[in-house]
Amino acid sequence: MHNTGRFTGLATGYAWVAVVYSAGSPALVHTGTAVAAAATLVLAAAARARLPQSVTSGGVGRASSESAST
């Protein structure tokens, strides 16, 4: 899954650069890339906010090992 997402991102980025650069607007290449990066960060933060607390705190599996030691 990771490699599929990585390949999709690379292919989309290359396509964006090819289309915009051939249109003669190199400044738009960097603007579009910055907007895409910002959107990715916002989506990742929103997805993280929806995760259970045990996943975001790095405590996956920790609760069962702590209860076993008490």
Protein backbone atom coordinates (compact mmCIF):
# COMPACT_ATOMS: atom_id res chain seq x y z
CA MET A 1 0.00 0.00 0.00
CA HIS A 2 2.82 2.39 0.85
CA ASN A 3 4.55 1.86 -2.49
CA THR A 4 1.27 2.29 -4.38
CA GLY A 5 0.64 5.62 -2.68
CA ARG A 6 4.22 6.66 -3.25
CA PHE A 7 4.07 5.80 -6.95
CA THR A 8 0.74 7.61 -7.33
CA GLY A 9 2.21 10.73 -5.72
CA LEU A 10 5.26 10.64 -7.94
CA ALA A 11 3.22 10.08 -11.09
CA THR A 12 0.85 12.91 -10.18
CA GLY A 13 3.76 15.23 -9.46
CA TYR A 14 5.50 14.45 -12.73
CA ALA A 15 2.26 14.95 -14.65
CA TRP A 16 1.67 18.29 -12.91
CA VAL A 17 5.16 19.53 -13.77
CA ALA A 18 4.90 18.32 -17.38
CA VAL A 19 1.57 20.07 -17.98
CA VAL A 20 2.33 23.34 -16.19
CA TYR A 21 5.93 23.70 -17.36
CA SER A 22 4.95 23.15 -20.99
CA ALA A 23 2.37 25.93 -20.57
CA GLY A 24 5.26 28.31 -19.82
CA SER A 25 4.54 29.05 -16.17
CA PRO A 26 7.40 27.72 -14.02
CA ALA A 27 6.26 29.75 -10.99
CA LEU A 28 3.02 27.78 -11.03
CA VAL A 29 5.01 24.55 -10.74
CA HIS A 30 6.26 25.54 -7.29
CA THR A 31 2.95 27.09 -6.22
CA GLY A 32 1.01 23.96 -7.14
CA THR A 33 3.53 21.77 -5.36
CA ALA A 34 3.33 23.89 -2.19
CA VAL A 35 -0.48 23.79 -2.26
CA ALA A 36 -0.48 20.01 -2.71
CA ALA A 37 1.98 19.59 0.18
CA ALA A 38 -0.10 21.82 2.45
CA ALA A 39 -3.29 19.93 1.55
CA THR A 40 -1.57 16.64 2.32
CA LEU A 41 -0.45 17.89 5.74
CA VAL A 42 -3.97 19.15 6.54
CA LEU A 43 -5.53 15.84 5.51
CA ALA A 44 -2.96 13.87 7.53
CA ALA A 45 -3.60 16.02 10.61
CA ALA A 46 -7.36 15.61 10.22
CA ALA A 47 -6.99 11.83 9.87
CA ARG A 48 -4.74 11.68 12.94
CA ALA A 49 -7.28 13.65 14.97
CA ARG A 50 -9.88 10.97 14.23
CA LEU A 51 -7.68 8.08 15.45
CA PRO A 52 -8.23 6.56 18.88
CA GLN A 53 -6.01 7.96 21.66
CA SER A 54 -4.10 4.68 22.07
CA VAL A 55 -2.89 4.89 18.46
CA THR A 56 -1.79 8.53 18.53
CA SER A 57 0.07 8.25 21.83
CA GLY A 58 2.15 5.33 20.64
CA GLY A 59 0.45 3.07 23.16
CA VAL A 60 -0.56 0.28 20.84
CA GLY A 61 -0.31 -2.86 22.89
CA ARG A 62 0.93 -0.97 25.93
CA ALA A 63 -2.30 -1.26 27.92
CA SER A 64 -2.24 -5.06 27.89
CA SER A 65 1.40 -5.26 28.97
CA GLU A 66 0.85 -2.73 31.78
CA SER A 67 -2.17 -4.59 33.12
CA ALA A 68 -0.22 -7.85 33.05
CA SER A 69 2.54 -6.39 35.24
CA THR A 70 0.17 -5.16 37.98
